Protein backbone atom coordinates (compact mmCIF):
# COMPACT_ATOMS: atom_id res chain seq x y z
CA MET A 1 20.63 17.31 -36.39
CA ALA A 2 17.92 18.87 -34.30
CA VAL A 3 17.65 18.18 -30.61
CA PRO A 4 14.03 17.36 -29.68
CA THR A 5 12.43 19.45 -26.99
CA GLN A 6 10.29 18.18 -24.18
CA ARG A 7 6.58 18.77 -24.65
CA ARG A 8 5.90 20.81 -21.58
CA THR A 9 4.49 24.26 -21.20
CA ILE A 10 7.18 26.09 -19.26
CA ARG A 11 6.17 29.35 -17.71
CA LYS A 12 8.45 32.30 -18.25
CA GLN A 13 10.99 32.50 -15.45
CA PRO A 14 13.14 35.33 -14.10
CA PRO A 15 16.88 35.18 -14.80
CA ALA A 16 17.76 34.22 -11.24
CA ARG A 17 17.96 30.51 -10.49
CA ARG A 18 14.74 29.41 -8.83
CA ARG A 19 13.70 26.55 -6.57
CA THR A 20 10.97 24.46 -8.19
CA GLY A 21 10.16 22.11 -5.36
CA LYS A 22 7.19 19.86 -4.82
CA PRO A 23 4.12 21.06 -2.90
CA ILE A 24 4.76 21.00 0.84
CA TRP A 25 1.50 19.15 1.42
CA TYR A 26 3.02 16.00 -0.15
CA ALA A 27 4.92 15.33 3.07
CA TRP A 28 1.93 16.13 5.27
CA ALA A 29 -0.31 13.87 3.17
CA ALA A 30 2.20 11.03 3.41
CA VAL A 31 2.50 11.41 7.20
CA LEU A 32 -1.27 11.65 7.65
CA GLY A 33 -1.86 8.60 5.44
CA ASP A 34 0.64 6.55 7.41
CA ALA A 35 -0.84 7.70 10.73
CA VAL A 36 -4.39 6.82 9.69
CA GLY A 37 -3.30 3.49 8.18
CA ALA A 38 -1.74 2.47 11.49
CA ALA A 39 -4.00 4.10 14.09
CA VAL A 40 -7.49 3.30 12.79
CA PRO A 41 -7.09 -0.48 12.24
CA MET A 42 -5.17 -0.87 15.51
CA TYR A 43 -7.79 1.05 17.47
CA LEU A 44 -10.70 -0.86 15.94
CA ALA A 45 -9.02 -4.24 16.45
CA PHE A 46 -8.33 -3.70 20.15
CA ALA A 47 -11.57 -1.79 20.79
CA LEU A 48 -13.38 -5.01 19.95
CA THR A 49 -11.14 -7.19 22.14
CA ASP A 50 -9.63 -4.97 24.86
CA GLY A 51 -11.34 -1.59 24.89
CA SER A 52 -9.39 -0.24 27.83
CA ASN A 53 -6.05 -0.20 25.97
CA ALA A 54 -7.20 0.49 22.42
CA VAL A 55 -6.01 4.11 22.42
CA THR A 56 -2.62 3.16 23.89
CA TYR A 57 -1.98 0.43 21.34
CA ALA A 58 -3.08 2.67 18.46
CA THR A 59 -0.75 5.45 19.66
CA VAL A 60 2.24 3.12 20.01
CA ALA A 61 1.66 1.53 16.61
CA THR A 62 1.28 4.91 14.92
CA ALA A 63 4.41 6.33 16.55
CA ALA A 64 6.43 3.24 15.62
CA TRP A 65 5.22 3.31 12.00
CA LEU A 66 6.00 7.01 11.58
CA LEU A 67 9.40 6.47 13.21
CA VAL A 68 10.29 3.65 10.81
CA ARG A 69 9.14 5.60 7.77
CA GLY A 70 10.84 8.79 8.90
CA THR A 71 14.21 7.22 9.68
CA ARG A 72 14.18 5.59 6.23
CA ASN A 73 13.66 9.02 4.60
CA ARG A 74 10.25 8.19 3.12
CA TYR A 75 9.06 11.75 3.72
CA ALA A 76 12.09 13.44 2.14
CA GLU A 77 11.12 15.83 -0.67
CA ARG A 78 13.46 14.16 -3.16
CA ARG A 79 11.69 10.80 -2.69
CA LEU A 80 8.03 11.76 -2.55
CA GLY A 81 6.31 10.72 -5.76
CA GLU A 82 9.50 9.52 -7.46
CA ARG A 83 9.81 5.77 -7.04
CA ASP A 84 8.06 2.45 -6.63
CA ASN A 85 5.64 2.55 -3.70
CA VAL A 86 4.85 -1.07 -2.91
CA GLY A 87 8.43 -2.27 -2.36
CA PRO A 88 9.49 0.40 0.17
CA ALA A 89 6.18 0.10 2.04
CA LEU A 90 6.58 -3.66 2.35
CA GLN A 91 10.19 -3.34 3.52
CA ASP A 92 9.21 -0.76 6.14
CA TRP A 93 6.33 -2.94 7.31
CA LEU A 94 8.70 -5.84 7.97
CA VAL A 95 10.96 -3.48 9.95
CA LEU A 96 7.90 -2.32 11.92
CA ILE A 97 6.93 -5.89 12.81
CA GLY A 98 10.47 -6.58 14.00
CA LEU A 99 10.60 -3.37 16.02
CA LEU A 100 7.29 -4.03 17.77
CA ALA A 101 8.29 -7.63 18.44
CA VAL A 102 11.41 -6.40 20.25
CA VAL A 103 9.35 -3.86 22.22
CA ARG A 104 6.82 -6.56 23.09
CA ALA A 105 9.54 -8.89 24.38
CA ALA A 106 11.34 -6.14 26.31
CA THR A 107 8.19 -4.93 28.08
CA SER A 108 6.63 -8.38 28.59
CA GLU A 109 3.52 -7.14 26.82
CA GLU A 110 0.74 -9.74 26.80
CA SER A 111 -1.62 -8.34 24.19
CA PRO A 112 -2.98 -10.89 21.64
CA PHE A 113 -0.23 -11.25 19.05
CA LEU A 114 -2.44 -12.29 16.12
CA VAL A 115 -4.81 -9.39 16.77
CA ALA A 116 -1.93 -6.91 16.71
CA LEU A 117 -0.39 -8.49 13.61
CA THR A 118 -3.70 -8.42 11.75
CA ALA A 119 -4.28 -4.79 12.74
CA LEU A 120 -0.89 -3.82 11.30
CA VAL A 121 -1.55 -5.37 7.89
CA PRO A 122 -3.24 -2.23 6.42
CA CYS A 123 -0.15 -0.10 7.13
CA ALA A 124 1.75 -1.07 3.98
CA PRO A 125 -1.11 -0.94 1.42
CA THR A 126 -2.43 2.33 2.84
CA SER A 127 1.02 3.91 2.60
CA ALA A 128 1.51 2.58 -0.94
CA LEU A 129 -1.88 3.97 -1.98
CA VAL A 130 -1.15 7.44 -0.61
CA HIS A 131 2.24 7.56 -2.31
CA THR A 132 0.70 6.35 -5.57
CA LEU A 133 -1.78 9.23 -5.48
CA ILE A 134 1.08 11.63 -4.76
CA ARG A 135 2.99 10.16 -7.69
CA ARG A 136 0.06 10.66 -10.05
CA HIS A 137 -0.42 14.25 -8.92
CA LEU A 138 3.29 14.95 -9.38
CA VAL A 139 3.31 13.48 -12.90
CA THR A 140 0.33 15.66 -13.82
CA ARG A 141 2.13 18.77 -12.54
CA ARG A 142 5.30 17.87 -14.44
CA ARG A 143 3.42 17.43 -17.69
CA ALA A 144 2.24 21.00 -17.20
CA GLY A 145 5.82 22.18 -16.67
CA ARG A 146 5.58 22.51 -12.89
CA ALA A 147 7.59 20.86 -10.11
CA VAL A 148 10.51 20.46 -12.54
CA ARG A 149 14.16 21.48 -12.51
CA ARG A 150 15.47 23.56 -15.40
CA ALA A 151 18.57 21.78 -16.71
CA LEU A 152 21.54 22.80 -18.84
CA VAL A 153 23.24 19.90 -20.66
CA ILE A 154 27.00 19.82 -21.34
CA GLY A 155 28.85 17.27 -23.46
CA GLU A 156 29.96 16.25 -26.92
CA PRO A 157 27.28 16.69 -29.61
CA ASN A 158 26.37 13.01 -29.99
CA ALA A 159 26.18 12.49 -26.23
CA VAL A 160 24.14 15.67 -25.76
CA ASP A 161 21.76 14.71 -28.56
CA SER A 162 21.28 11.22 -27.10
CA LEU A 163 20.65 12.50 -23.57
CA VAL A 164 18.22 15.23 -24.61
CA SER A 165 16.36 12.82 -26.91
CA HIS A 166 16.05 10.27 -24.13
CA LEU A 167 14.69 12.80 -21.65
CA ALA A 168 12.32 14.28 -24.23
CA LYS A 169 10.54 10.96 -24.76
CA ARG A 170 8.93 11.15 -21.33
CA THR A 171 7.62 13.94 -19.16
CA ASP A 172 7.23 12.17 -15.81
CA HIS A 173 10.77 13.02 -14.65
CA GLU A 174 12.05 16.13 -12.91
CA PHE A 175 14.24 17.62 -15.67
CA VAL A 176 13.28 20.00 -18.45
CA ILE A 177 16.10 20.95 -20.81
CA VAL A 178 16.38 24.71 -21.38
CA GLY A 179 19.77 24.78 -23.13
CA VAL A 180 22.85 22.82 -24.18
CA CYS A 181 26.59 23.50 -24.27
CA PRO A 182 28.08 21.16 -26.90
CA ILE A 183 31.83 20.59 -27.01
CA GLY A 184 34.18 18.54 -29.18
CA ASP A 185 35.27 18.48 -32.79
CA ARG A 186 31.88 18.98 -34.41
CA ASP A 187 30.45 22.38 -35.23
CA PRO A 188 27.83 23.21 -32.59
CA GLN A 189 25.81 25.03 -35.25
CA THR A 190 24.70 21.64 -36.61
CA LEU A 191 22.78 20.80 -33.43
CA THR A 192 20.21 23.42 -32.51
CA PRO A 193 20.04 26.94 -31.08
CA VAL A 194 22.24 26.60 -28.03
CA ALA A 195 22.47 28.43 -24.75
CA ALA A 196 26.25 28.67 -24.84
CA ARG A 197 29.21 27.26 -26.69
CA LEU A 198 32.39 25.75 -25.33
CA GLY A 199 35.73 25.68 -27.13
CA ARG A 200 36.36 22.88 -29.65
CA GLN A 201 40.02 22.49 -28.94
CA ALA A 202 41.75 20.12 -26.52
CA PRO A 203 40.85 20.58 -22.81
CA PRO A 204 41.56 24.24 -22.04
CA ARG A 205 41.99 26.14 -18.82
CA MET A 206 39.19 26.20 -16.28
CA SER A 207 37.92 29.67 -17.21
CA ALA A 208 37.34 28.65 -20.84
CA ASP A 209 34.72 26.16 -19.67
CA SER A 210 33.30 27.77 -16.56
CA ALA A 211 32.67 31.27 -17.95
CA PRO A 212 30.17 30.37 -20.74
CA VAL A 213 28.52 27.66 -18.60
CA LEU A 214 28.01 29.92 -15.62
CA GLU A 215 26.81 32.76 -17.84
CA ALA A 216 24.25 30.43 -19.48
CA ALA A 217 23.15 29.04 -16.12
CA ARG A 218 22.50 32.51 -14.75
CA ARG A 219 20.76 33.80 -17.86
CA LEU A 220 18.45 30.78 -18.17
CA GLY A 221 17.66 30.42 -14.48
CA VAL A 222 19.13 26.90 -14.42
CA ASP A 223 18.54 24.69 -11.38
CA VAL A 224 20.98 21.92 -12.32
CA VAL A 225 23.70 21.17 -14.86
CA LEU A 226 23.72 17.73 -16.52
CA VAL A 227 27.05 16.50 -17.89
CA ALA A 228 27.30 13.70 -20.47
CA PRO A 229 30.96 12.66 -19.99
CA GLY A 230 33.19 11.73 -22.90
CA PRO A 231 36.79 11.99 -24.16
CA TYR A 232 36.62 15.80 -24.15
CA MET A 233 34.73 16.13 -20.88
CA ALA A 234 36.33 13.94 -18.22
CA GLY A 235 39.03 13.88 -15.57
CA THR A 236 40.54 17.22 -14.64
CA ARG A 237 38.35 19.20 -17.00
CA LEU A 238 35.17 17.82 -15.44
CA ARG A 239 36.58 18.34 -11.95
CA ARG A 240 37.40 22.00 -12.60
CA LEU A 241 33.97 22.60 -14.07
CA SER A 242 32.41 21.10 -10.95
CA TRP A 243 34.45 23.50 -8.79
CA ALA A 244 33.16 26.49 -10.72
CA LEU A 245 29.53 25.31 -10.56
CA HIS A 246 29.67 24.43 -6.89
CA ASN A 247 31.17 27.82 -6.06
CA GLU A 248 27.93 29.22 -7.49
CA GLU A 249 25.90 26.62 -5.52
CA CYS A 250 24.68 25.09 -8.78
CA PRO A 251 24.19 21.28 -8.57
CA LEU A 252 26.08 19.08 -11.04
CA VAL A 253 24.75 15.72 -12.20
CA VAL A 254 26.97 13.37 -14.23
CA VAL A 255 24.99 11.06 -16.52
CA PRO A 256 27.04 7.89 -17.17
CA GLY A 257 24.92 6.66 -20.08
CA LEU A 258 23.42 3.57 -18.43
CA THR A 259 19.77 3.04 -19.34
CA GLU A 260 17.00 1.00 -17.71
CA VAL A 261 19.17 -0.05 -14.75
CA SER A 262 17.41 -0.03 -11.39
CA GLY A 263 19.01 2.18 -8.74
CA ARG A 264 19.26 -0.76 -6.33
CA ARG A 265 21.71 -2.45 -8.73
CA VAL A 266 24.06 0.55 -8.82
CA SER A 267 26.54 1.54 -6.12
CA VAL A 268 29.30 4.16 -6.08
CA PHE A 269 32.81 3.53 -4.78
CA SER A 270 36.25 5.10 -5.09
CA VAL A 271 39.60 3.57 -6.09
CA SER A 272 42.79 5.66 -6.14
CA GLY A 273 40.75 8.82 -6.30
CA LEU A 274 38.64 7.56 -9.21
CA THR A 275 34.87 7.43 -8.74
CA MET A 276 33.42 4.20 -10.11
CA LEU A 277 29.95 2.75 -10.59
CA ASN A 278 29.37 -0.88 -9.73
CA VAL A 279 26.42 -2.39 -11.61
CA ALA A 280 25.28 -5.63 -9.97
CA PRO A 281 23.97 -8.43 -12.22
CA PRO A 282 20.21 -9.06 -12.33
CA LEU A 283 18.74 -11.46 -9.78
CA ARG A 284 18.67 -14.96 -11.26
CA ARG A 285 19.59 -17.27 -8.38
CA GLY A 286 19.50 -17.37 -4.61
CA LEU A 287 16.76 -16.99 -2.05
CA ALA A 288 14.82 -14.38 -4.03
CA ALA A 289 14.61 -16.65 -7.10
CA LEU A 290 13.57 -19.60 -4.92
CA LEU A 291 10.90 -17.45 -3.29
CA LYS A 292 9.56 -16.48 -6.72
CA ALA A 293 9.36 -20.13 -7.85
CA VAL A 294 7.54 -21.22 -4.69
CA THR A 295 5.20 -18.21 -4.74
CA ASP A 296 4.38 -18.83 -8.41
CA ARG A 297 3.29 -22.41 -7.89
CA LEU A 298 1.47 -21.91 -4.60
CA GLY A 299 -0.24 -18.77 -5.89
CA ALA A 300 -1.33 -20.50 -9.11
CA VAL A 301 -2.76 -23.49 -7.21
CA LEU A 302 -4.64 -21.20 -4.85
CA LEU A 303 -6.07 -19.16 -7.72
CA ILE A 304 -7.18 -22.30 -9.58
CA VAL A 305 -9.07 -23.49 -6.50
CA LEU A 306 -10.64 -20.10 -5.78
CA LEU A 307 -11.57 -19.46 -9.42
CA ALA A 308 -12.97 -22.92 -10.13
CA PRO A 309 -16.56 -21.55 -10.47
CA VAL A 310 -15.28 -18.93 -12.92
CA PHE A 311 -13.53 -21.63 -14.97
CA THR A 312 -16.82 -23.53 -15.17
CA ALA A 313 -18.89 -20.48 -16.14
CA VAL A 314 -16.44 -19.37 -18.83
CA ALA A 315 -16.17 -22.88 -20.30
CA LEU A 316 -19.97 -23.09 -20.53
CA ALA A 317 -20.21 -19.65 -22.17
CA VAL A 318 -17.59 -20.54 -24.80
CA ARG A 319 -19.36 -23.83 -25.58
CA LEU A 320 -22.76 -22.16 -26.05
CA ASP A 321 -21.48 -19.17 -28.02
CA SER A 322 -19.84 -20.76 -31.07
CA PRO A 323 -18.80 -24.17 -32.43
CA GLY A 324 -15.30 -25.36 -31.66
CA PRO A 325 -13.18 -26.49 -28.71
CA ILE A 326 -13.51 -24.77 -25.32
CA VAL A 327 -9.75 -24.50 -24.86
CA TYR A 328 -7.40 -23.33 -27.60
CA ARG A 329 -3.83 -24.62 -27.37
CA GLN A 330 -0.92 -22.80 -28.93
CA THR A 331 2.85 -23.24 -28.97
CA ARG A 332 4.73 -20.44 -27.25
CA ILE A 333 8.42 -19.88 -26.49
CA GLY A 334 9.58 -19.85 -22.88
CA ARG A 335 12.78 -19.22 -20.98
CA GLY A 336 15.93 -20.00 -22.93
CA GLY A 337 13.96 -20.49 -26.16
CA GLN A 338 12.21 -23.65 -24.96
CA PRO A 339 8.79 -24.20 -26.59
CA PHE A 340 5.75 -25.16 -24.53
CA THR A 341 2.01 -25.54 -25.08
CA MET A 342 -0.07 -22.70 -23.67
CA PRO A 343 -3.85 -23.16 -23.24
CA LYS A 344 -6.39 -20.32 -23.42
CA PHE A 345 -10.16 -20.24 -23.38
CA ARG A 346 -11.10 -19.93 -27.04
CA SER A 347 -12.05 -16.35 -27.85
CA MET A 348 -11.96 -16.65 -31.65
CA VAL A 349 -13.67 -18.70 -34.31
CA ALA A 350 -12.39 -22.23 -34.79
CA ASP A 351 -10.31 -21.50 -37.94
CA ALA A 352 -8.77 -18.29 -36.59
CA GLU A 353 -5.19 -19.31 -37.37
CA ARG A 354 -5.95 -19.80 -41.05
CA LEU A 355 -7.74 -16.46 -41.24
CA ARG A 356 -4.81 -14.70 -39.59
CA HIS A 357 -2.68 -15.05 -42.72
CA GLN A 358 -5.46 -13.48 -44.77
CA LEU A 359 -5.58 -10.52 -42.39
CA ALA A 360 -1.81 -9.98 -42.26
CA ALA A 361 -2.05 -6.74 -44.26
CA THR A 362 -4.40 -5.23 -41.67
CA ASN A 363 -2.02 -5.65 -38.72
CA GLU A 364 -2.15 -2.54 -36.50
CA GLN A 365 1.05 -3.31 -34.63
CA ASP A 366 4.37 -1.84 -35.73
CA GLY A 367 6.53 -4.83 -34.79
CA ARG A 368 6.49 -8.61 -34.46
CA MET A 369 3.02 -9.05 -32.91
CA PHE A 370 -0.24 -9.27 -34.84
CA LYS A 371 -2.98 -7.12 -33.32
CA MET A 372 -6.24 -5.65 -34.64
CA ARG A 373 -8.47 -3.42 -32.58
CA ARG A 374 -11.57 -4.93 -34.24
CA ASP A 375 -10.43 -8.42 -35.20
CA PRO A 376 -13.33 -10.12 -37.09
CA ARG A 377 -12.20 -13.52 -35.80
CA ILE A 378 -13.16 -12.72 -32.19
CA THR A 379 -16.51 -14.12 -31.01
CA ARG A 380 -19.11 -12.25 -28.93
CA VAL A 381 -18.14 -14.05 -25.74
CA GLY A 382 -14.49 -13.75 -26.76
CA ARG A 383 -14.64 -9.96 -26.65
CA VAL A 384 -15.84 -10.07 -23.05
CA LEU A 385 -13.21 -12.66 -22.12
CA ARG A 386 -10.44 -10.56 -23.65
CA HIS A 387 -11.65 -7.33 -22.08
CA TYR A 388 -11.33 -8.83 -18.61
CA SER A 389 -8.43 -11.21 -19.49
CA LEU A 390 -10.56 -14.25 -18.55
CA ASP A 391 -9.35 -16.12 -21.63
CA GLU A 392 -5.90 -16.34 -20.03
CA LEU A 393 -6.99 -18.16 -16.85
CA PRO A 394 -5.91 -21.64 -18.12
CA GLN A 395 -2.33 -20.34 -18.19
CA LEU A 396 -2.35 -20.84 -14.42
CA PHE A 397 -1.72 -24.52 -15.18
CA ASN A 398 1.42 -23.48 -17.11
CA VAL A 399 2.57 -21.65 -13.96
CA VAL A 400 2.00 -24.78 -11.86
CA ARG A 401 4.00 -26.87 -14.35
CA GLY A 402 6.88 -24.36 -14.33
CA HIS A 403 6.57 -23.16 -17.94
CA MET A 404 5.47 -19.69 -16.90
CA SER A 405 5.54 -17.34 -13.93
CA LEU A 406 2.77 -15.22 -12.44
CA VAL A 407 4.73 -12.12 -13.52
CA GLY A 408 7.04 -11.85 -16.52
CA PRO A 409 7.26 -10.79 -20.19
CA ARG A 410 4.50 -11.72 -22.63
CA PRO A 411 4.98 -15.30 -23.98
CA PRO A 412 5.92 -14.90 -27.69
CA LEU A 413 4.98 -17.05 -30.67
CA PRO A 414 7.66 -19.09 -32.49
CA ASP A 415 7.39 -16.98 -35.67
CA GLU A 416 7.92 -13.82 -33.61
CA VAL A 417 11.04 -15.25 -31.97
CA ALA A 418 12.40 -16.32 -35.35
CA ARG A 419 12.63 -12.62 -36.28
CA TYR A 420 14.10 -11.41 -32.98
CA ASP A 421 17.38 -9.53 -33.00
CA GLU A 422 20.00 -9.75 -30.25
CA VAL A 423 18.26 -7.20 -28.05
CA GLU A 424 14.80 -8.77 -28.38
CA LEU A 425 16.15 -12.24 -27.59
CA ARG A 426 16.99 -11.03 -24.09
CA ARG A 427 13.28 -11.24 -23.30
CA LEU A 428 13.79 -14.99 -23.14
CA ALA A 429 16.24 -14.77 -20.21
CA VAL A 430 13.34 -15.25 -17.77
CA LYS A 431 10.08 -17.18 -17.78
CA PRO A 432 7.16 -15.50 -19.52
CA GLY A 433 4.39 -14.31 -17.25
CA LEU A 434 0.65 -14.50 -16.86
CA THR A 435 0.85 -10.75 -16.25
CA GLY A 436 3.67 -8.22 -16.44
CA LEU A 437 4.68 -4.64 -17.15
CA TRP A 438 3.26 -4.90 -20.68
CA GLN A 439 -0.14 -6.00 -19.42
CA VAL A 440 -0.45 -3.22 -16.80
CA SER A 441 0.95 -0.44 -19.02
CA GLY A 442 -1.48 -0.47 -21.93
CA ARG A 443 -1.09 -3.90 -23.55
CA SER A 444 -1.98 -3.77 -27.25
CA ASP A 445 -2.07 0.05 -27.24
CA LEU A 446 1.71 0.06 -26.85
CA SER A 447 4.13 0.13 -29.78
CA TRP A 448 6.55 -2.71 -30.34
CA ASN A 449 9.49 -0.63 -29.10
CA GLU A 450 7.57 0.26 -25.95
CA THR A 451 6.75 -3.41 -25.40
CA ILE A 452 10.39 -4.44 -25.74
CA ALA A 453 11.54 -1.62 -23.44
CA LEU A 454 9.11 -2.72 -20.72
CA ASP A 455 10.08 -6.38 -21.04
CA LEU A 456 13.81 -5.63 -20.89
CA ARG A 457 13.27 -3.37 -17.88
CA TYR A 458 11.64 -6.32 -16.13
CA VAL A 459 14.32 -8.82 -17.20
CA ASP A 460 17.19 -6.63 -16.00
CA ASN A 461 15.62 -5.23 -12.83
CA TRP A 462 13.37 -7.98 -11.49
CA SER A 463 12.73 -8.01 -7.74
CA PRO A 464 10.11 -9.63 -5.46
CA SER A 465 8.69 -6.23 -4.52
CA GLY A 466 8.43 -5.33 -8.20
CA ASP A 467 6.40 -8.49 -8.84
CA LEU A 468 4.09 -7.58 -5.99
CA GLY A 469 3.57 -4.12 -7.47
CA VAL A 470 2.69 -5.59 -10.89
CA LEU A 471 0.19 -8.01 -9.32
CA VAL A 472 -1.52 -5.12 -7.52
CA GLN A 473 -1.67 -3.08 -10.74
CA THR A 474 -3.02 -6.09 -12.65
CA VAL A 475 -6.30 -5.91 -10.75
CA ARG A 476 -6.82 -2.31 -11.91
CA ALA A 477 -5.74 -3.13 -15.48
CA VAL A 478 -8.12 -6.09 -15.72
CA VAL A 479 -11.09 -4.07 -14.44
CA ALA A 480 -10.31 -1.14 -16.79
CA GLY A 481 -9.60 -3.39 -19.77
CA THR A 482 -7.29 -0.76 -21.33
CA GLY A 483 -5.56 -2.05 -24.46
CA ALA A 484 -7.31 -5.43 -24.29
CA TYR A 485 -8.36 -6.55 -27.77
């Protein structure tokens, strides 16, 4: 049973443990971006209305914004380039507004409130943009084997194999596995060439574990030790191993085995000396859910009004391009397995559904969906509509009626749902969306397993800030047209 290795080019390292941090300019770039995003709009806004105080207002706004971001650890090395950018920026912006409102009331400041509020709007998007660019640069470096931490994995063979396999599937994280220390009843020789080998008997004395681990850590230049806990690596044995590692100033990370659970849902607490993880349930009710429902309907109505000329132009193009109805209606499955009728601007020939069965053998997807990169059923206008997702505009009426949401999983067909297993059925726990993680991550270029993973990540970790991030990314995805066919 071979353990897959991560596809990174790792430069040869000296035996001593090294510090592979991120470039120091990440923090300076983040600070500079925040300063510019606050100072320039504030200065320009007040220069046009009250030129005498423009510099003062810009300085105060910039100092307040940097203070808020700094006190919330947005410039800490461990956070730069690691997480969602839109959510934290929006949260900090709301704190900034509250802080400046208190300062305004305390000092009896009489500057125009709407001017100041409008000038502060660019703070959040500018910050999110800068951090997104940092994130992309960091991912590029990590794919080249830089800005990573060399990790040694300890645990029972199955747990080690699962952890290493999971980390090897992606290269945008900070860990690169350089060795494993399998323990338990199985013969370590069946795994892979290993860095060290622990005893296979019942939990031994501390030295039996710490000696080979520490020797491997030193020899491989390890930056961190990852432990996959199990029956043979828990309790006192794990505690003693942590003592030995910490005496050598080597960090220890315990991997509990949870997957695709957002960090905001997890909290750590202690009971009778036992460390426990509390995993909060996904958001389904409450103020956040109500906000999503209201935002969906109001946003859909606003988009329908604003895009009315586009609706008219697309309808005329479809009518002139090929015979058949302008709008194609199809049954889809919504939340809880409830069917609904979903309209789309017709992008295929009129008898496309009949031809689909004849083309079943040419399906390029590896799962439940039917997708062809060059589907002969698509019309000339239809290719343009699909490239820019214009064929999906009528689904805004589904959002208004409550069948769909602006953001959510892709709405499946009944025959797809009929073949779902227990895991895939969880996609139906929320309303399907006009856009979602699938649409902004590659769409039809993704495999079925990747599609399901993205949908389940959304279902289990939904948040208002996450929806906002997807909507922002949708604009880029629509313009690029990646995976749209």
